[in-house]
């Protein structure tokens, strides 16, 4: 069965765009990262449907979901994820999150354990430094509107993000970030614009910027897998420590991958995640 697009109502009635990828068995919820959308999970969903019912959604203010003036705090994101789980009767679900979506995964598992069977945290740190000003500068530096998707890919394949956040490190320049970002732009008469508005992106970040979420990991009782990219913007050792702190945590590092590890090395990402999902789904 092919994928099907629909919408559900999230927290406060916010309309959330959803992709039902199909599959049978335990519910599997895909939660994308900052500025992403559900379609960034397409290649992952293709093999996940062999292990359960797979649903992805665009977070509020992202993709094709509604962009209200607010709220964009963590509670709103958690309530949205819970609403999608309830709408498709996925619970308890295997929640797979990338970056900001990984934070949503472990916070949901800790606060609503009845909804979560297991979690996969894809390249997200528990200790987040104060880089809000640098994010603001990076977003302001985008030469949008772009003339073409090729121009979008070329720009984001460079090390622009790293220069603002961690300094210029050639080994952290991954061309597949360009592939990721062309998913989150849309064409208008004057060129290609990001789907997410800058103010909403910054508002989302404000609620996990300059915070230590390590203590929240102690509340997660379900099986958890932490997957990190070797050349991520987040320290790999921090991800390893997260797995050690989780009551039932495991850790995998993907060599030569950056932050968008499921784009940098899809085969290695699958080798890391699929056995874990298969094991949990069989229980």
Foldseek 3Di string as FASTA:
>chain_A
DAKDWDWDQFPPRWIKIKIWGAAAFAEEEEAEAQLAFQVLCVVVSVVCSPQHGYMYIGFALFDPTDPDPDDLALVRRLRRSVRVCVVVVRFLYEYEYAAVSLVSFLLNCLPPVRNHQEYEYAAYFQAAEALLVLLLVLVVPDPPPDADLVRQLVVQLACSSCCSQPRDDVLQRHSLSSVRQSNQWDADPVHIDGSGDPVSSSSNVVNRHRDRRLVSLASRDHAYEYEHEPAESDHPVSSVVSQVNRPRGDYYYDYSAYRSNCRRDVVVVCVRPVVVSNVSRVD
